[in-house]
Amino acid sequence: MCPCLCNVSSSNSKNLTHEALVELVKELAKELTVNKKETSISKRKLISVGDERQSAETIGFIGVLALCVPVLLIVSFDLINLWSFRKQNN
């Protein structure tokens, strides 16, 4: 019979040495440990999902325009200046 007051029957209880108990705890911890890189949350972080909504496409298009228009303006002004400089030197 178990000397504690936990209502464990003697058929379920085992008298383990300290070393055996430590080994059992290590085995249980190893068995219950989950690899963080194999969880579904970790896998979903690496996958980009397409968004077919019209609002998402519109915002994406506006973002592309916001990035491209300033670059195109700077390049076009430089080309105009280059063209006028070459025209003056001829």
N, C-alpha and C. Protein backbone atom coordinates (compact mmCIF):
# COMPACT_ATOMS: atom_id res chain seq x y z
N MET A 1 0.84 -1.19 0.00
CA MET A 1 0.00 0.00 0.00
C MET A 1 0.88 1.23 0.00
N CYS A 2 0.43 2.23 -0.69
CA CYS A 2 1.15 3.50 -0.80
C CYS A 2 1.01 4.28 0.51
N PRO A 3 2.12 4.83 1.06
CA PRO A 3 2.01 5.56 2.32
C PRO A 3 1.35 6.93 2.18
N CYS A 4 1.14 7.44 0.99
CA CYS A 4 0.51 8.76 0.82
C CYS A 4 -1.01 8.63 0.86
N LEU A 5 -1.71 9.73 0.83
CA LEU A 5 -3.17 9.74 0.90
C LEU A 5 -3.82 9.96 -0.46
N CYS A 6 -3.23 9.42 -1.52
CA CYS A 6 -3.70 9.71 -2.89
C CYS A 6 -4.66 8.67 -3.45
N ASN A 7 -5.10 7.73 -2.70
CA ASN A 7 -6.06 6.69 -3.11
C ASN A 7 -5.56 5.85 -4.28
N VAL A 8 -4.28 5.59 -4.34
CA VAL A 8 -3.74 4.72 -5.37
C VAL A 8 -3.71 3.30 -4.83
N SER A 9 -4.26 2.37 -5.60
CA SER A 9 -4.27 0.99 -5.13
C SER A 9 -2.87 0.40 -5.25
N SER A 10 -2.58 -0.60 -4.50
CA SER A 10 -1.24 -1.18 -4.47
C SER A 10 -0.89 -1.87 -5.78
N SER A 11 -1.86 -2.26 -6.59
CA SER A 11 -1.57 -2.92 -7.86
C SER A 11 -1.06 -1.92 -8.91
N ASN A 12 -1.41 -0.63 -8.77
CA ASN A 12 -0.97 0.39 -9.73
C ASN A 12 0.32 1.07 -9.31
N SER A 13 0.69 0.98 -8.06
CA SER A 13 1.88 1.69 -7.59
C SER A 13 3.12 0.84 -7.78
N LYS A 14 4.24 1.51 -8.03
CA LYS A 14 5.53 0.84 -8.19
C LYS A 14 6.53 1.55 -7.30
N ASN A 15 7.38 0.78 -6.68
CA ASN A 15 8.46 1.36 -5.91
C ASN A 15 9.69 1.44 -6.81
N LEU A 16 10.04 2.66 -7.22
CA LEU A 16 11.16 2.86 -8.13
C LEU A 16 12.32 3.51 -7.38
N THR A 17 13.51 3.17 -7.80
CA THR A 17 14.68 3.85 -7.25
C THR A 17 14.75 5.23 -7.86
N HIS A 18 15.59 6.06 -7.27
CA HIS A 18 15.74 7.44 -7.77
C HIS A 18 16.24 7.43 -9.22
N GLU A 19 17.22 6.57 -9.52
CA GLU A 19 17.77 6.50 -10.88
C GLU A 19 16.71 6.03 -11.88
N ALA A 20 15.92 5.03 -11.49
CA ALA A 20 14.87 4.53 -12.37
C ALA A 20 13.80 5.59 -12.60
N LEU A 21 13.49 6.36 -11.55
CA LEU A 21 12.50 7.42 -11.69
C LEU A 21 13.01 8.53 -12.61
N VAL A 22 14.28 8.88 -12.46
CA VAL A 22 14.88 9.90 -13.34
C VAL A 22 14.86 9.42 -14.78
N GLU A 23 15.20 8.15 -15.00
CA GLU A 23 15.18 7.60 -16.35
C GLU A 23 13.77 7.58 -16.92
N LEU A 24 12.79 7.22 -16.10
CA LEU A 24 11.40 7.22 -16.55
C LEU A 24 10.94 8.62 -16.93
N VAL A 25 11.32 9.61 -16.14
CA VAL A 25 10.94 10.99 -16.44
C VAL A 25 11.60 11.44 -17.74
N LYS A 26 12.86 11.08 -17.96
CA LYS A 26 13.54 11.45 -19.21
C LYS A 26 12.85 10.81 -20.41
N GLU A 27 12.49 9.53 -20.28
CA GLU A 27 11.80 8.85 -21.38
C GLU A 27 10.45 9.49 -21.68
N LEU A 28 9.71 9.81 -20.63
CA LEU A 28 8.41 10.45 -20.84
C LEU A 28 8.56 11.84 -21.45
N ALA A 29 9.56 12.59 -21.00
CA ALA A 29 9.78 13.93 -21.57
C ALA A 29 10.16 13.82 -23.04
N LYS A 30 11.00 12.84 -23.38
CA LYS A 30 11.39 12.65 -24.78
C LYS A 30 10.19 12.24 -25.63
N GLU A 31 9.35 11.38 -25.07
CA GLU A 31 8.17 10.91 -25.79
C GLU A 31 7.14 12.03 -25.99
N LEU A 32 7.04 12.93 -25.04
CA LEU A 32 6.02 13.98 -25.10
C LEU A 32 6.51 15.25 -25.76
N THR A 33 7.80 15.36 -26.06
CA THR A 33 8.35 16.56 -26.66
C THR A 33 7.95 16.64 -28.14
N VAL A 34 7.54 17.82 -28.57
CA VAL A 34 7.12 18.04 -29.96
C VAL A 34 8.16 18.92 -30.64
N ASN A 35 8.57 18.53 -31.83
CA ASN A 35 9.50 19.33 -32.60
C ASN A 35 8.77 20.58 -33.09
N LYS A 36 9.30 21.75 -32.73
CA LYS A 36 8.62 23.01 -33.06
C LYS A 36 8.53 23.25 -34.57
N LYS A 37 9.49 22.74 -35.31
CA LYS A 37 9.49 22.97 -36.76
C LYS A 37 8.51 22.07 -37.51
N GLU A 38 7.96 21.09 -36.83
CA GLU A 38 7.00 20.18 -37.47
C GLU A 38 5.55 20.50 -37.12
N THR A 39 5.31 21.55 -36.35
CA THR A 39 3.94 21.90 -36.01
C THR A 39 3.27 22.59 -37.19
N SER A 40 1.97 22.56 -37.24
CA SER A 40 1.23 23.16 -38.35
C SER A 40 1.40 24.68 -38.35
N ILE A 41 1.52 25.28 -37.18
CA ILE A 41 1.70 26.74 -37.12
C ILE A 41 3.03 27.13 -37.76
N SER A 42 4.07 26.38 -37.46
CA SER A 42 5.39 26.67 -38.02
C SER A 42 5.39 26.48 -39.54
N LYS A 43 4.72 25.47 -40.02
CA LYS A 43 4.66 25.22 -41.47
C LYS A 43 3.86 26.31 -42.18
N ARG A 44 2.77 26.77 -41.55
CA ARG A 44 1.94 27.80 -42.18
C ARG A 44 2.64 29.14 -42.27
N LYS A 45 3.60 29.39 -41.38
CA LYS A 45 4.35 30.64 -41.43
C LYS A 45 5.16 30.75 -42.71
N LEU A 46 5.53 29.63 -43.31
CA LEU A 46 6.39 29.62 -44.48
C LEU A 46 5.63 29.56 -45.80
N ILE A 47 4.31 29.47 -45.73
CA ILE A 47 3.51 29.33 -46.95
C ILE A 47 2.72 30.60 -47.18
N SER A 48 2.86 31.15 -48.37
CA SER A 48 2.10 32.34 -48.74
C SER A 48 0.85 31.89 -49.51
N VAL A 49 -0.28 32.35 -49.07
CA VAL A 49 -1.54 31.94 -49.68
C VAL A 49 -2.03 33.08 -50.57
N GLY A 50 -2.47 32.73 -51.75
CA GLY A 50 -2.99 33.71 -52.68
C GLY A 50 -4.29 34.32 -52.18
N ASP A 51 -4.53 35.56 -52.58
CA ASP A 51 -5.75 36.25 -52.17
C ASP A 51 -6.42 36.78 -53.43
N GLU A 52 -7.53 36.18 -53.81
CA GLU A 52 -8.21 36.50 -55.05
C GLU A 52 -9.27 37.59 -54.90
N ARG A 53 -9.37 38.21 -53.73
CA ARG A 53 -10.40 39.24 -53.55
C ARG A 53 -10.06 40.47 -54.39
N GLN A 54 -11.06 41.14 -54.88
CA GLN A 54 -10.88 42.33 -55.70
C GLN A 54 -10.18 43.44 -54.92
N SER A 55 -10.51 43.59 -53.64
CA SER A 55 -9.89 44.63 -52.83
C SER A 55 -8.39 44.37 -52.66
N ALA A 56 -8.00 43.11 -52.50
CA ALA A 56 -6.58 42.78 -52.36
C ALA A 56 -5.83 43.05 -53.65
N GLU A 57 -6.44 42.73 -54.77
CA GLU A 57 -5.80 42.99 -56.06
C GLU A 57 -5.67 44.50 -56.31
N THR A 58 -6.67 45.26 -55.93
CA THR A 58 -6.63 46.71 -56.12
C THR A 58 -5.53 47.33 -55.25
N ILE A 59 -5.45 46.91 -54.01
CA ILE A 59 -4.41 47.45 -53.13
C ILE A 59 -3.03 47.06 -53.66
N GLY A 60 -2.87 45.86 -54.17
CA GLY A 60 -1.60 45.44 -54.75
C GLY A 60 -1.23 46.27 -55.96
N PHE A 61 -2.22 46.55 -56.81
CA PHE A 61 -1.97 47.37 -58.00
C PHE A 61 -1.56 48.79 -57.61
N ILE A 62 -2.23 49.35 -56.62
CA ILE A 62 -1.89 50.70 -56.14
C ILE A 62 -0.47 50.70 -55.55
N GLY A 63 -0.11 49.64 -54.85
CA GLY A 63 1.24 49.54 -54.30
C GLY A 63 2.30 49.49 -55.39
N VAL A 64 2.04 48.73 -56.44
CA VAL A 64 2.98 48.66 -57.56
C VAL A 64 3.10 50.02 -58.23
N LEU A 65 2.00 50.71 -58.41
CA LEU A 65 2.05 52.06 -58.99
C LEU A 65 2.83 53.02 -58.11
N ALA A 66 2.61 52.94 -56.79
CA ALA A 66 3.30 53.83 -55.87
C ALA A 66 4.81 53.60 -55.90
N LEU A 67 5.23 52.40 -56.21
CA LEU A 67 6.67 52.13 -56.32
C LEU A 67 7.23 52.47 -57.69
N CYS A 68 6.48 52.25 -58.73
CA CYS A 68 6.99 52.41 -60.09
C CYS A 68 6.93 53.85 -60.60
N VAL A 69 5.88 54.60 -60.28
CA VAL A 69 5.71 55.95 -60.83
C VAL A 69 6.86 56.87 -60.44
N PRO A 70 7.29 56.95 -59.19
CA PRO A 70 8.42 57.83 -58.87
C PRO A 70 9.70 57.44 -59.61
N VAL A 71 9.95 56.15 -59.73
CA VAL A 71 11.15 55.70 -60.45
C VAL A 71 11.06 56.09 -61.91
N LEU A 72 9.89 55.88 -62.52
CA LEU A 72 9.72 56.25 -63.93
C LEU A 72 9.84 57.76 -64.14
N LEU A 73 9.32 58.55 -63.21
CA LEU A 73 9.46 60.00 -63.32
C LEU A 73 10.92 60.44 -63.26
N ILE A 74 11.67 59.89 -62.34
CA ILE A 74 13.09 60.26 -62.22
C ILE A 74 13.85 59.85 -63.47
N VAL A 75 13.61 58.64 -63.95
CA VAL A 75 14.31 58.17 -65.16
C VAL A 75 13.90 59.01 -66.36
N SER A 76 12.62 59.35 -66.49
CA SER A 76 12.20 60.15 -67.64
C SER A 76 12.79 61.56 -67.59
N PHE A 77 12.86 62.18 -66.40
CA PHE A 77 13.49 63.49 -66.30
C PHE A 77 14.97 63.42 -66.65
N ASP A 78 15.64 62.37 -66.24
CA ASP A 78 17.05 62.21 -66.60
C ASP A 78 17.22 62.01 -68.09
N LEU A 79 16.32 61.25 -68.72
CA LEU A 79 16.41 61.05 -70.17
C LEU A 79 16.15 62.35 -70.93
N ILE A 80 15.20 63.13 -70.44
CA ILE A 80 14.93 64.43 -71.08
C ILE A 80 16.15 65.34 -70.96
N ASN A 81 16.75 65.39 -69.78
CA ASN A 81 17.96 66.21 -69.60
C ASN A 81 19.11 65.71 -70.46
N LEU A 82 19.27 64.39 -70.57
CA LEU A 82 20.32 63.83 -71.41
C LEU A 82 20.07 64.16 -72.87
N TRP A 83 18.84 64.07 -73.30
CA TRP A 83 18.51 64.37 -74.70
C TRP A 83 18.77 65.85 -75.01
N SER A 84 18.36 66.75 -74.10
CA SER A 84 18.60 68.17 -74.34
C SER A 84 20.10 68.51 -74.27
N PHE A 85 20.86 67.85 -73.42
CA PHE A 85 22.31 68.08 -73.33
C PHE A 85 23.00 67.63 -74.61
N ARG A 86 22.60 66.48 -75.13
CA ARG A 86 23.21 65.99 -76.39
C ARG A 86 22.81 66.86 -77.57
N LYS A 87 21.60 67.41 -77.53
CA LYS A 87 21.13 68.28 -78.63
C LYS A 87 21.94 69.58 -78.65
N GLN A 88 22.27 70.11 -77.45
CA GLN A 88 23.04 71.35 -77.37
C GLN A 88 24.47 71.15 -77.80
N ASN A 89 25.05 70.00 -77.58
CA ASN A 89 26.45 69.74 -77.93
C ASN A 89 26.62 69.38 -79.39
N ASN A 90 25.56 69.09 -80.11
CA ASN A 90 25.69 68.75 -81.55
C ASN A 90 25.68 69.97 -82.38
